[in-house]
Full PDB file with SEQRES, HELIX, SHEET, SSBOND, CRYST1, ORIGX, SCALE, CONECT and MASTER records, all heavy atoms in Angstrom:
SEQRES   1 A   39  ARG GLY HIS LEU ASP ALA LEU ALA THR GLN ARG MET LEU          
SEQRES   2 A   39  ALA GLY LEU SER SER ALA ARG ARG LEU THR SER TYR ASP          
SEQRES   3 A   39  GLU VAL GLU LEU VAL ALA LEU LEU THR ARG ASP PRO GLU          
HELIX    1 AA1 GLY A    2  GLY A   15  1                                  14    
HELIX    2 AA2 TYR A   25  LEU A   34  1                                  10    
CRYST1    1.000    1.000    1.000  90.00  90.00  90.00 P 1           1          
ORIGX1      1.000000  0.000000  0.000000        0.00000                         
ORIGX2      0.000000  1.000000  0.000000        0.00000                         
ORIGX3      0.000000  0.000000  1.000000        0.00000                         
SCALE1      1.000000  0.000000  0.000000        0.00000                         
SCALE2      0.000000  1.000000  0.000000        0.00000                         
SCALE3      0.000000  0.000000  1.000000        0.00000                         
ATOM      1  N   ARG A   1      10.766 -10.574   2.416  1.00  0.00           N  
ATOM      2  CA  ARG A   1       9.516 -10.043   3.023  1.00  0.00           C  
ATOM      3  C   ARG A   1       9.385  -8.468   2.929  1.00  0.00           C  
ATOM      4  O   ARG A   1       8.355  -8.011   2.558  1.00  0.00           O  
ATOM      5  CB  ARG A   1       9.471 -10.497   4.483  1.00  0.00           C  
ATOM      6  CG  ARG A   1       8.236 -10.082   5.272  1.00  0.00           C  
ATOM      7  CD  ARG A   1       7.020 -10.960   4.910  1.00  0.00           C  
ATOM      8  NE  ARG A   1       6.161 -10.235   3.922  1.00  0.00           N  
ATOM      9  CZ  ARG A   1       5.379 -10.804   3.067  1.00  0.00           C  
ATOM     10  NH1 ARG A   1       5.281 -12.085   3.022  1.00  0.00           N  
ATOM     11  NH2 ARG A   1       4.649 -10.195   2.261  1.00  0.00           N  
ATOM     12  N   GLY A   2      10.485  -7.820   3.161  1.00  0.00           N  
ATOM     13  CA  GLY A   2      10.569  -6.471   2.977  1.00  0.00           C  
ATOM     14  C   GLY A   2      10.275  -5.930   1.595  1.00  0.00           C  
ATOM     15  O   GLY A   2       9.531  -4.987   1.463  1.00  0.00           O  
ATOM     16  N   HIS A   3      10.897  -6.634   0.679  1.00  0.00           N  
ATOM     17  CA  HIS A   3      10.593  -6.323  -0.746  1.00  0.00           C  
ATOM     18  C   HIS A   3       9.207  -6.465  -1.034  1.00  0.00           C  
ATOM     19  O   HIS A   3       8.474  -5.690  -1.654  1.00  0.00           O  
ATOM     20  CB  HIS A   3      11.515  -7.154  -1.640  1.00  0.00           C  
ATOM     21  CG  HIS A   3      11.247  -7.052  -3.143  1.00  0.00           C  
ATOM     22  ND1 HIS A   3      11.538  -5.836  -3.767  1.00  0.00           N  
ATOM     23  CD2 HIS A   3      10.671  -7.852  -4.044  1.00  0.00           C  
ATOM     24  CE1 HIS A   3      11.164  -5.969  -4.977  1.00  0.00           C  
ATOM     25  NE2 HIS A   3      10.627  -7.160  -5.203  1.00  0.00           N  
ATOM     26  N   LEU A   4       8.545  -7.675  -0.645  1.00  0.00           N  
ATOM     27  CA  LEU A   4       7.148  -7.878  -0.956  1.00  0.00           C  
ATOM     28  C   LEU A   4       6.145  -6.860  -0.335  1.00  0.00           C  
ATOM     29  O   LEU A   4       5.228  -6.459  -0.943  1.00  0.00           O  
ATOM     30  CB  LEU A   4       6.784  -9.271  -0.531  1.00  0.00           C  
ATOM     31  CG  LEU A   4       7.464 -10.495  -1.402  1.00  0.00           C  
ATOM     32  CD1 LEU A   4       7.137 -11.835  -0.734  1.00  0.00           C  
ATOM     33  CD2 LEU A   4       7.072 -10.339  -2.786  1.00  0.00           C  
ATOM     34  N   ASP A   5       6.644  -6.516   0.848  1.00  0.00           N  
ATOM     35  CA  ASP A   5       5.692  -5.527   1.665  1.00  0.00           C  
ATOM     36  C   ASP A   5       5.836  -4.024   0.956  1.00  0.00           C  
ATOM     37  O   ASP A   5       4.934  -3.315   0.912  1.00  0.00           O  
ATOM     38  CB  ASP A   5       6.122  -5.495   3.111  1.00  0.00           C  
ATOM     39  CG  ASP A   5       5.658  -6.708   3.867  1.00  0.00           C  
ATOM     40  OD1 ASP A   5       4.849  -7.439   3.336  1.00  0.00           O  
ATOM     41  OD2 ASP A   5       6.140  -6.821   5.058  1.00  0.00           O  
ATOM     42  N   ALA A   6       7.018  -3.799   0.472  1.00  0.00           N  
ATOM     43  CA  ALA A   6       7.237  -2.468  -0.254  1.00  0.00           C  
ATOM     44  C   ALA A   6       6.387  -2.558  -1.529  1.00  0.00           C  
ATOM     45  O   ALA A   6       5.675  -1.508  -1.900  1.00  0.00           O  
ATOM     46  CB  ALA A   6       8.678  -2.336  -0.592  1.00  0.00           C  
ATOM     47  N   LEU A   7       6.327  -3.747  -2.261  1.00  0.00           N  
ATOM     48  CA  LEU A   7       5.568  -3.804  -3.417  1.00  0.00           C  
ATOM     49  C   LEU A   7       4.060  -3.696  -3.043  1.00  0.00           C  
ATOM     50  O   LEU A   7       3.266  -3.151  -3.803  1.00  0.00           O  
ATOM     51  CB  LEU A   7       5.790  -5.102  -4.104  1.00  0.00           C  
ATOM     52  CG  LEU A   7       7.143  -5.306  -4.827  1.00  0.00           C  
ATOM     53  CD1 LEU A   7       7.338  -6.666  -5.386  1.00  0.00           C  
ATOM     54  CD2 LEU A   7       7.264  -4.266  -5.936  1.00  0.00           C  
ATOM     55  N   ALA A   8       3.663  -4.289  -1.985  1.00  0.00           N  
ATOM     56  CA  ALA A   8       2.166  -4.089  -1.495  1.00  0.00           C  
ATOM     57  C   ALA A   8       1.935  -2.702  -1.175  1.00  0.00           C  
ATOM     58  O   ALA A   8       0.795  -2.288  -1.637  1.00  0.00           O  
ATOM     59  CB  ALA A   8       2.005  -5.045  -0.267  1.00  0.00           C  
ATOM     60  N   THR A   9       2.859  -1.986  -0.639  1.00  0.00           N  
ATOM     61  CA  THR A   9       2.670  -0.548  -0.337  1.00  0.00           C  
ATOM     62  C   THR A   9       2.488   0.221  -1.667  1.00  0.00           C  
ATOM     63  O   THR A   9       1.528   0.994  -1.884  1.00  0.00           O  
ATOM     64  CB  THR A   9       3.869   0.027   0.451  1.00  0.00           C  
ATOM     65  OG1 THR A   9       3.942  -0.761   1.684  1.00  0.00           O  
ATOM     66  CG2 THR A   9       3.592   1.474   0.737  1.00  0.00           C  
ATOM     67  N   GLN A  10       3.327  -0.062  -2.586  1.00  0.00           N  
ATOM     68  CA  GLN A  10       3.347   0.601  -3.938  1.00  0.00           C  
ATOM     69  C   GLN A  10       1.884   0.285  -4.584  1.00  0.00           C  
ATOM     70  O   GLN A  10       1.325   1.164  -5.196  1.00  0.00           O  
ATOM     71  CB  GLN A  10       4.444   0.100  -4.797  1.00  0.00           C  
ATOM     72  CG  GLN A  10       4.559   0.738  -6.169  1.00  0.00           C  
ATOM     73  CD  GLN A  10       5.671   0.012  -7.009  1.00  0.00           C  
ATOM     74  OE1 GLN A  10       6.003  -1.105  -6.836  1.00  0.00           O  
ATOM     75  NE2 GLN A  10       6.131   0.755  -8.005  1.00  0.00           N  
ATOM     76  N   ARG A  11       1.585  -0.971  -4.673  1.00  0.00           N  
ATOM     77  CA  ARG A  11       0.237  -1.307  -5.341  1.00  0.00           C  
ATOM     78  C   ARG A  11      -0.945  -0.623  -4.592  1.00  0.00           C  
ATOM     79  O   ARG A  11      -1.758  -0.070  -5.266  1.00  0.00           O  
ATOM     80  CB  ARG A  11       0.027  -2.768  -5.241  1.00  0.00           C  
ATOM     81  CG  ARG A  11       0.819  -3.647  -6.389  1.00  0.00           C  
ATOM     82  CD  ARG A  11       0.242  -5.048  -6.412  1.00  0.00           C  
ATOM     83  NE  ARG A  11       0.361  -5.687  -5.168  1.00  0.00           N  
ATOM     84  CZ  ARG A  11       1.388  -6.307  -4.754  1.00  0.00           C  
ATOM     85  NH1 ARG A  11       2.522  -6.269  -5.412  1.00  0.00           N  
ATOM     86  NH2 ARG A  11       1.392  -6.892  -3.557  1.00  0.00           N  
ATOM     87  N   MET A  12      -0.919  -0.571  -3.309  1.00  0.00           N  
ATOM     88  CA  MET A  12      -1.976  -0.002  -2.667  1.00  0.00           C  
ATOM     89  C   MET A  12      -2.094   1.480  -2.887  1.00  0.00           C  
ATOM     90  O   MET A  12      -3.213   2.088  -3.159  1.00  0.00           O  
ATOM     91  CB  MET A  12      -1.909  -0.158  -1.043  1.00  0.00           C  
ATOM     92  CG  MET A  12      -3.028   0.383  -0.357  1.00  0.00           C  
ATOM     93  SD  MET A  12      -2.543   1.131   1.258  1.00  0.00           S  
ATOM     94  CE  MET A  12      -1.815   2.636   0.849  1.00  0.00           C  
ATOM     95  N   LEU A  13      -1.019   2.207  -2.971  1.00  0.00           N  
ATOM     96  CA  LEU A  13      -0.987   3.647  -3.270  1.00  0.00           C  
ATOM     97  C   LEU A  13      -1.422   3.897  -4.598  1.00  0.00           C  
ATOM     98  O   LEU A  13      -2.201   4.881  -4.890  1.00  0.00           O  
ATOM     99  CB  LEU A  13       0.383   4.312  -2.908  1.00  0.00           C  
ATOM    100  CG  LEU A  13       0.873   4.259  -1.477  1.00  0.00           C  
ATOM    101  CD1 LEU A  13       2.338   4.666  -1.327  1.00  0.00           C  
ATOM    102  CD2 LEU A  13      -0.044   5.190  -0.730  1.00  0.00           C  
ATOM    103  N   ALA A  14      -0.992   3.055  -5.547  1.00  0.00           N  
ATOM    104  CA  ALA A  14      -1.399   3.222  -7.014  1.00  0.00           C  
ATOM    105  C   ALA A  14      -2.925   2.983  -7.076  1.00  0.00           C  
ATOM    106  O   ALA A  14      -3.574   3.717  -7.831  1.00  0.00           O  
ATOM    107  CB  ALA A  14      -0.599   2.357  -7.923  1.00  0.00           C  
ATOM    108  N   GLY A  15      -3.354   1.917  -6.416  1.00  0.00           N  
ATOM    109  CA  GLY A  15      -4.805   1.586  -6.454  1.00  0.00           C  
ATOM    110  C   GLY A  15      -5.745   2.667  -5.936  1.00  0.00           C  
ATOM    111  O   GLY A  15      -6.839   2.870  -6.364  1.00  0.00           O  
ATOM    112  N   LEU A  16      -5.205   3.366  -4.926  1.00  0.00           N  
ATOM    113  CA  LEU A  16      -5.945   4.419  -4.236  1.00  0.00           C  
ATOM    114  C   LEU A  16      -5.737   5.877  -4.959  1.00  0.00           C  
ATOM    115  O   LEU A  16      -6.356   6.836  -4.541  1.00  0.00           O  
ATOM    116  CB  LEU A  16      -5.618   4.623  -2.836  1.00  0.00           C  
ATOM    117  CG  LEU A  16      -5.989   3.382  -1.918  1.00  0.00           C  
ATOM    118  CD1 LEU A  16      -5.439   3.590  -0.494  1.00  0.00           C  
ATOM    119  CD2 LEU A  16      -7.491   3.194  -1.863  1.00  0.00           C  
ATOM    120  N   SER A  17      -4.887   5.834  -5.986  1.00  0.00           N  
ATOM    121  CA  SER A  17      -4.500   7.025  -6.694  1.00  0.00           C  
ATOM    122  C   SER A  17      -3.908   8.100  -5.663  1.00  0.00           C  
ATOM    123  O   SER A  17      -4.226   9.245  -5.739  1.00  0.00           O  
ATOM    124  CB  SER A  17      -5.676   7.595  -7.514  1.00  0.00           C  
ATOM    125  OG  SER A  17      -6.170   6.775  -8.425  1.00  0.00           O  
ATOM    126  N   SER A  18      -3.197   7.522  -4.753  1.00  0.00           N  
ATOM    127  CA  SER A  18      -2.640   8.490  -3.740  1.00  0.00           C  
ATOM    128  C   SER A  18      -1.465   9.278  -4.251  1.00  0.00           C  
ATOM    129  O   SER A  18      -0.688   8.732  -5.136  1.00  0.00           O  
ATOM    130  CB  SER A  18      -2.159   7.632  -2.524  1.00  0.00           C  
ATOM    131  OG  SER A  18      -1.578   8.493  -1.657  1.00  0.00           O  
ATOM    132  N   ALA A  19      -1.316  10.468  -3.858  1.00  0.00           N  
ATOM    133  CA  ALA A  19      -0.216  11.319  -4.248  1.00  0.00           C  
ATOM    134  C   ALA A  19       0.901  11.312  -3.252  1.00  0.00           C  
ATOM    135  O   ALA A  19       1.896  12.129  -3.239  1.00  0.00           O  
ATOM    136  CB  ALA A  19      -0.681  12.790  -4.519  1.00  0.00           C  
ATOM    137  N   ARG A  20       0.857  10.413  -2.300  1.00  0.00           N  
ATOM    138  CA  ARG A  20       1.882  10.347  -1.188  1.00  0.00           C  
ATOM    139  C   ARG A  20       3.177  10.074  -1.885  1.00  0.00           C  
ATOM    140  O   ARG A  20       3.272   9.244  -2.697  1.00  0.00           O  
ATOM    141  CB  ARG A  20       1.571   9.210  -0.246  1.00  0.00           C  
ATOM    142  CG  ARG A  20       0.215   9.307   0.464  1.00  0.00           C  
ATOM    143  CD  ARG A  20       0.319  10.334   1.588  1.00  0.00           C  
ATOM    144  NE  ARG A  20      -1.099  10.481   2.023  1.00  0.00           N  
ATOM    145  CZ  ARG A  20      -1.401  11.053   3.022  1.00  0.00           C  
ATOM    146  NH1 ARG A  20      -0.555  11.610   3.849  1.00  0.00           N  
ATOM    147  NH2 ARG A  20      -2.689  11.304   3.415  1.00  0.00           N  
ATOM    148  N   ARG A  21       4.280  10.724  -1.462  1.00  0.00           N  
ATOM    149  CA  ARG A  21       5.539  10.602  -2.086  1.00  0.00           C  
ATOM    150  C   ARG A  21       6.505   9.627  -1.336  1.00  0.00           C  
ATOM    151  O   ARG A  21       7.350   8.992  -1.920  1.00  0.00           O  
ATOM    152  CB  ARG A  21       6.310  11.939  -2.128  1.00  0.00           C  
ATOM    153  CG  ARG A  21       5.426  13.013  -2.716  1.00  0.00           C  
ATOM    154  CD  ARG A  21       5.736  13.416  -4.116  1.00  0.00           C  
ATOM    155  NE  ARG A  21       7.014  13.162  -4.671  1.00  0.00           N  
ATOM    156  CZ  ARG A  21       8.021  14.041  -4.669  1.00  0.00           C  
ATOM    157  NH1 ARG A  21       7.945  15.157  -4.097  1.00  0.00           N  
ATOM    158  NH2 ARG A  21       9.148  13.708  -5.282  1.00  0.00           N  
ATOM    159  N   LEU A  22       6.235   9.412  -0.038  1.00  0.00           N  
ATOM    160  CA  LEU A  22       7.040   8.524   0.805  1.00  0.00           C  
ATOM    161  C   LEU A  22       6.101   7.801   1.805  1.00  0.00           C  
ATOM    162  O   LEU A  22       5.429   8.424   2.518  1.00  0.00           O  
ATOM    163  CB  LEU A  22       8.147   9.300   1.567  1.00  0.00           C  
ATOM    164  CG  LEU A  22       9.009   8.442   2.543  1.00  0.00           C  
ATOM    165  CD1 LEU A  22       9.752   7.362   1.900  1.00  0.00           C  
ATOM    166  CD2 LEU A  22       9.870   9.371   3.395  1.00  0.00           C  
ATOM    167  N   THR A  23       6.102   6.486   1.658  1.00  0.00           N  
ATOM    168  CA  THR A  23       5.145   5.611   2.547  1.00  0.00           C  
ATOM    169  C   THR A  23       5.837   4.450   2.926  1.00  0.00           C  
ATOM    170  O   THR A  23       6.581   3.750   2.104  1.00  0.00           O  
ATOM    171  CB  THR A  23       3.942   5.323   1.780  1.00  0.00           C  
ATOM    172  OG1 THR A  23       3.409   6.535   1.227  1.00  0.00           O  
ATOM    173  CG2 THR A  23       2.921   4.686   2.651  1.00  0.00           C  
ATOM    174  N   SER A  24       5.698   4.023   4.181  1.00  0.00           N  
ATOM    175  CA  SER A  24       6.233   2.723   4.666  1.00  0.00           C  
ATOM    176  C   SER A  24       5.065   1.724   4.865  1.00  0.00           C  
ATOM    177  O   SER A  24       3.900   2.171   5.126  1.00  0.00           O  
ATOM    178  CB  SER A  24       7.086   2.951   5.919  1.00  0.00           C  
ATOM    179  OG  SER A  24       6.225   3.151   7.053  1.00  0.00           O  
ATOM    180  N   TYR A  25       5.477   0.574   4.697  1.00  0.00           N  
ATOM    181  CA  TYR A  25       4.454  -0.504   4.923  1.00  0.00           C  
ATOM    182  C   TYR A  25       3.849  -0.484   6.272  1.00  0.00           C  
ATOM    183  O   TYR A  25       2.673  -0.724   6.494  1.00  0.00           O  
ATOM    184  CB  TYR A  25       5.088  -1.937   4.683  1.00  0.00           C  
ATOM    185  CG  TYR A  25       4.139  -3.102   4.712  1.00  0.00           C  
ATOM    186  CD1 TYR A  25       3.082  -3.208   3.633  1.00  0.00           C  
ATOM    187  CD2 TYR A  25       4.057  -3.981   5.763  1.00  0.00           C  
ATOM    188  CE1 TYR A  25       2.171  -4.204   3.704  1.00  0.00           C  
ATOM    189  CE2 TYR A  25       3.178  -5.013   5.810  1.00  0.00           C  
ATOM    190  CZ  TYR A  25       2.268  -5.106   4.711  1.00  0.00           C  
ATOM    191  OH  TYR A  25       1.331  -6.174   4.815  1.00  0.00           O  
ATOM    192  N   ASP A  26       4.681  -0.209   7.299  1.00  0.00           N  
ATOM    193  CA  ASP A  26       4.201  -0.052   8.700  1.00  0.00           C  
ATOM    194  C   ASP A  26       3.103   0.913   8.806  1.00  0.00           C  
ATOM    195  O   ASP A  26       2.175   0.766   9.568  1.00  0.00           O  
ATOM    196  CB  ASP A  26       5.297   0.364   9.625  1.00  0.00           C  
ATOM    197  CG  ASP A  26       6.414  -0.699   9.630  1.00  0.00           C  
ATOM    198  OD1 ASP A  26       6.217  -1.927   9.447  1.00  0.00           O  
ATOM    199  OD2 ASP A  26       7.586  -0.333  10.047  1.00  0.00           O  
ATOM    200  N   GLU A  27       3.031   2.027   8.041  1.00  0.00           N  
ATOM    201  CA  GLU A  27       2.030   3.035   8.082  1.00  0.00           C  
ATOM    202  C   GLU A  27       0.755   2.562   7.453  1.00  0.00           C  
ATOM    203  O   GLU A  27      -0.291   2.995   7.838  1.00  0.00           O  
ATOM    204  CB  GLU A  27       2.463   4.232   7.393  1.00  0.00           C  
ATOM    205  CG  GLU A  27       3.665   5.034   7.919  1.00  0.00           C  
ATOM    206  CD  GLU A  27       4.057   6.135   7.054  1.00  0.00           C  
ATOM    207  OE1 GLU A  27       4.488   5.946   5.922  1.00  0.00           O  
ATOM    208  OE2 GLU A  27       3.906   7.358   7.480  1.00  0.00           O  
ATOM    209  N   VAL A  28       0.829   1.600   6.488  1.00  0.00           N  
ATOM    210  CA  VAL A  28      -0.354   1.351   5.644  1.00  0.00           C  
ATOM    211  C   VAL A  28      -0.801  -0.104   5.734  1.00  0.00           C  
ATOM    212  O   VAL A  28      -1.570  -0.496   4.925  1.00  0.00           O  
ATOM    213  CB  VAL A  28      -0.154   1.740   4.217  1.00  0.00           C  
ATOM    214  CG1 VAL A  28       0.112   3.295   4.120  1.00  0.00           C  
ATOM    215  CG2 VAL A  28       1.046   0.989   3.554  1.00  0.00           C  
ATOM    216  N   GLU A  29      -0.254  -0.880   6.562  1.00  0.00           N  
ATOM    217  CA  GLU A  29      -0.533  -2.351   6.569  1.00  0.00           C  
ATOM    218  C   GLU A  29      -2.021  -2.587   6.604  1.00  0.00           C  
ATOM    219  O   GLU A  29      -2.535  -3.384   5.918  1.00  0.00           O  
ATOM    220  CB  GLU A  29       0.212  -3.146   7.596  1.00  0.00           C  
ATOM    221  CG  GLU A  29       0.108  -4.543   7.538  1.00  0.00           C  
ATOM    222  CD  GLU A  29       0.948  -5.295   8.581  1.00  0.00           C  
ATOM    223  OE1 GLU A  29       1.559  -4.626   9.434  1.00  0.00           O  
ATOM    224  OE2 GLU A  29       1.059  -6.489   8.438  1.00  0.00           O  
ATOM    225  N   LEU A  30      -2.693  -1.997   7.510  1.00  0.00           N  
ATOM    226  CA  LEU A  30      -4.079  -2.143   7.680  1.00  0.00           C  
ATOM    227  C   LEU A  30      -4.891  -1.819   6.408  1.00  0.00           C  
ATOM    228  O   LEU A  30      -5.746  -2.444   5.918  1.00  0.00           O  
ATOM    229  CB  LEU A  30      -4.711  -1.513   8.850  1.00  0.00           C  
ATOM    230  CG  LEU A  30      -6.171  -1.548   9.109  1.00  0.00           C  
ATOM    231  CD1 LEU A  30      -6.708  -2.912   9.333  1.00  0.00           C  
ATOM    232  CD2 LEU A  30      -6.605  -0.660  10.135  1.00  0.00           C  
ATOM    233  N   VAL A  31      -4.550  -0.662   5.935  1.00  0.00           N  
ATOM    234  CA  VAL A  31      -5.188  -0.091   4.711  1.00  0.00           C  
ATOM    235  C   VAL A  31      -4.949  -1.041   3.481  1.00  0.00           C  
ATOM    236  O   VAL A  31      -5.805  -1.277   2.666  1.00  0.00           O  
ATOM    237  CB  VAL A  31      -4.828   1.382   4.425  1.00  0.00           C  
ATOM    238  CG1 VAL A  31      -5.469   1.789   3.158  1.00  0.00           C  
ATOM    239  CG2 VAL A  31      -5.265   2.299   5.548  1.00  0.00           C  
ATOM    240  N   ALA A  32      -3.701  -1.459   3.413  1.00  0.00           N  
ATOM    241  CA  ALA A  32      -3.323  -2.411   2.315  1.00  0.00           C  
ATOM    242  C   ALA A  32      -4.300  -3.739   2.415  1.00  0.00           C  
ATOM    243  O   ALA A  32      -4.771  -4.098   1.413  1.00  0.00           O  
ATOM    244  CB  ALA A  32      -1.906  -2.797   2.372  1.00  0.00           C  
ATOM    245  N   LEU A  33      -4.525  -4.242   3.659  1.00  0.00           N  
ATOM    246  CA  LEU A  33      -5.420  -5.337   3.853  1.00  0.00           C  
ATOM    247  C   LEU A  33      -6.715  -4.988   3.387  1.00  0.00           C  
ATOM    248  O   LEU A  33      -7.415  -5.726   2.697  1.00  0.00           O  
ATOM    249  CB  LEU A  33      -5.258  -5.862   5.119  1.00  0.00           C  
ATOM    250  CG  LEU A  33      -4.065  -6.532   5.624  1.00  0.00           C  
ATOM    251  CD1 LEU A  33      -3.995  -6.766   7.129  1.00  0.00           C  
ATOM    252  CD2 LEU A  33      -3.799  -7.848   4.842  1.00  0.00           C  
ATOM    253  N   LEU A  34      -7.236  -3.825   3.849  1.00  0.00           N  
ATOM    254  CA  LEU A  34      -8.579  -3.437   3.547  1.00  0.00           C  
ATOM    255  C   LEU A  34      -8.927  -3.126   2.115  1.00  0.00           C  
ATOM    256  O   LEU A  34     -10.057  -3.266   1.626  1.00  0.00           O  
ATOM    257  CB  LEU A  34      -8.976  -2.146   4.342  1.00  0.00           C  
ATOM    258  CG  LEU A  34      -9.101  -2.332   5.787  1.00  0.00           C  
ATOM    259  CD1 LEU A  34      -9.254  -1.028   6.509  1.00  0.00           C  
ATOM    260  CD2 LEU A  34     -10.299  -3.204   6.121  1.00  0.00           C  
ATOM    261  N   THR A  35      -7.889  -2.748   1.349  1.00  0.00           N  
ATOM    262  CA  THR A  35      -8.082  -2.252   0.058  1.00  0.00           C  
ATOM    263  C   THR A  35      -7.603  -3.349  -1.039  1.00  0.00           C  
ATOM    264  O   THR A  35      -7.616  -2.914  -2.266  1.00  0.00           O  
ATOM    265  CB  THR A  35      -7.449  -0.940  -0.283  1.00  0.00           C  
ATOM    266  OG1 THR A  35      -6.024  -1.141  -0.026  1.00  0.00           O  
ATOM    267  CG2 THR A  35      -8.029   0.230   0.543  1.00  0.00           C  
ATOM    268  N   ARG A  36      -7.346  -4.506  -0.661  1.00  0.00           N  
ATOM    269  CA  ARG A  36      -6.933  -5.541  -1.702  1.00  0.00           C  
ATOM    270  C   ARG A  36      -8.065  -5.653  -2.708  1.00  0.00           C  
ATOM    271  O   ARG A  36      -7.768  -6.014  -3.894  1.00  0.00           O  
ATOM    272  CB  ARG A  36      -6.674  -6.884  -0.968  1.00  0.00           C  
ATOM    273  CG  ARG A  36      -5.242  -6.878  -0.489  1.00  0.00           C  
ATOM    274  CD  ARG A  36      -4.857  -8.297  -0.103  1.00  0.00           C  
ATOM    275  NE  ARG A  36      -3.450  -8.197   0.406  1.00  0.00           N  
ATOM    276  CZ  ARG A  36      -2.911  -9.076   1.248  1.00  0.00           C  
ATOM    277  NH1 ARG A  36      -3.627  -9.978   1.742  1.00  0.00           N  
ATOM    278  NH2 ARG A  36      -1.719  -8.832   1.580  1.00  0.00           N  
ATOM    279  N   ASP A  37      -9.364  -5.538  -2.265  1.00  0.00           N  
ATOM    280  CA  ASP A  37     -10.518  -5.633  -3.154  1.00  0.00           C  
ATOM    281  C   ASP A  37     -11.059  -4.206  -3.192  1.00  0.00           C  
ATOM    282  O   ASP A  37     -11.851  -3.787  -2.338  1.00  0.00           O  
ATOM    283  CB  ASP A  37     -11.528  -6.661  -2.644  1.00  0.00           C  
ATOM    284  CG  ASP A  37     -12.733  -6.720  -3.515  1.00  0.00           C  
ATOM    285  OD1 ASP A  37     -12.963  -5.848  -4.401  1.00  0.00           O  
ATOM    286  OD2 ASP A  37     -13.541  -7.622  -3.303  1.00  0.00           O  
ATOM    287  N   PRO A  38     -10.666  -3.319  -4.115  1.00  0.00           N  
ATOM    288  CA  PRO A  38     -11.041  -1.940  -4.006  1.00  0.00           C  
ATOM    289  C   PRO A  38     -12.502  -1.715  -4.086  1.00  0.00           C  
ATOM    290  O   PRO A  38     -13.002  -0.771  -3.375  1.00  0.00           O  
ATOM    291  CB  PRO A  38     -10.325  -1.337  -5.317  1.00  0.00           C  
ATOM    292  CG  PRO A  38      -9.307  -2.312  -5.651  1.00  0.00           C  
ATOM    293  CD  PRO A  38      -9.773  -3.609  -5.172  1.00  0.00           C  
ATOM    294  N   GLU A  39     -13.274  -2.498  -4.740  1.00  0.00           N  
ATOM    295  CA  GLU A  39     -14.749  -2.352  -4.822  1.00  0.00           C  
ATOM    296  C   GLU A  39     -15.328  -2.546  -3.421  1.00  0.00           C  
ATOM    297  O   GLU A  39     -16.126  -1.898  -3.034  1.00  0.00           O  
ATOM    298  CB  GLU A  39     -15.310  -3.313  -5.908  1.00  0.00           C  
ATOM    299  CG  GLU A  39     -16.639  -2.883  -6.422  1.00  0.00           C  
ATOM    300  CD  GLU A  39     -17.044  -3.859  -7.698  1.00  0.00           C  
ATOM    301  OE1 GLU A  39     -16.287  -3.988  -8.629  1.00  0.00           O  
ATOM    302  OE2 GLU A  39     -18.107  -4.406  -7.461  1.00  0.00           O  
TER     303      GLU A  39                                                      
MASTER        0    0    0    2    0    0    0    6  302    1    0    3          
END                                                                             
C-alpha cells in the first residue's frame, strides 16, 4: 500500500508539472484524488 501510494504521489506531481522535491502521500492524498482526471 505504501509503495502504491508513493507511486500515486509521483504520478500526481508529474501530472501537475510540480517542482516539489520531497512530498508525502499524506500531504497530497486529496489533491491526488482530485487530479486523477486532469481535465
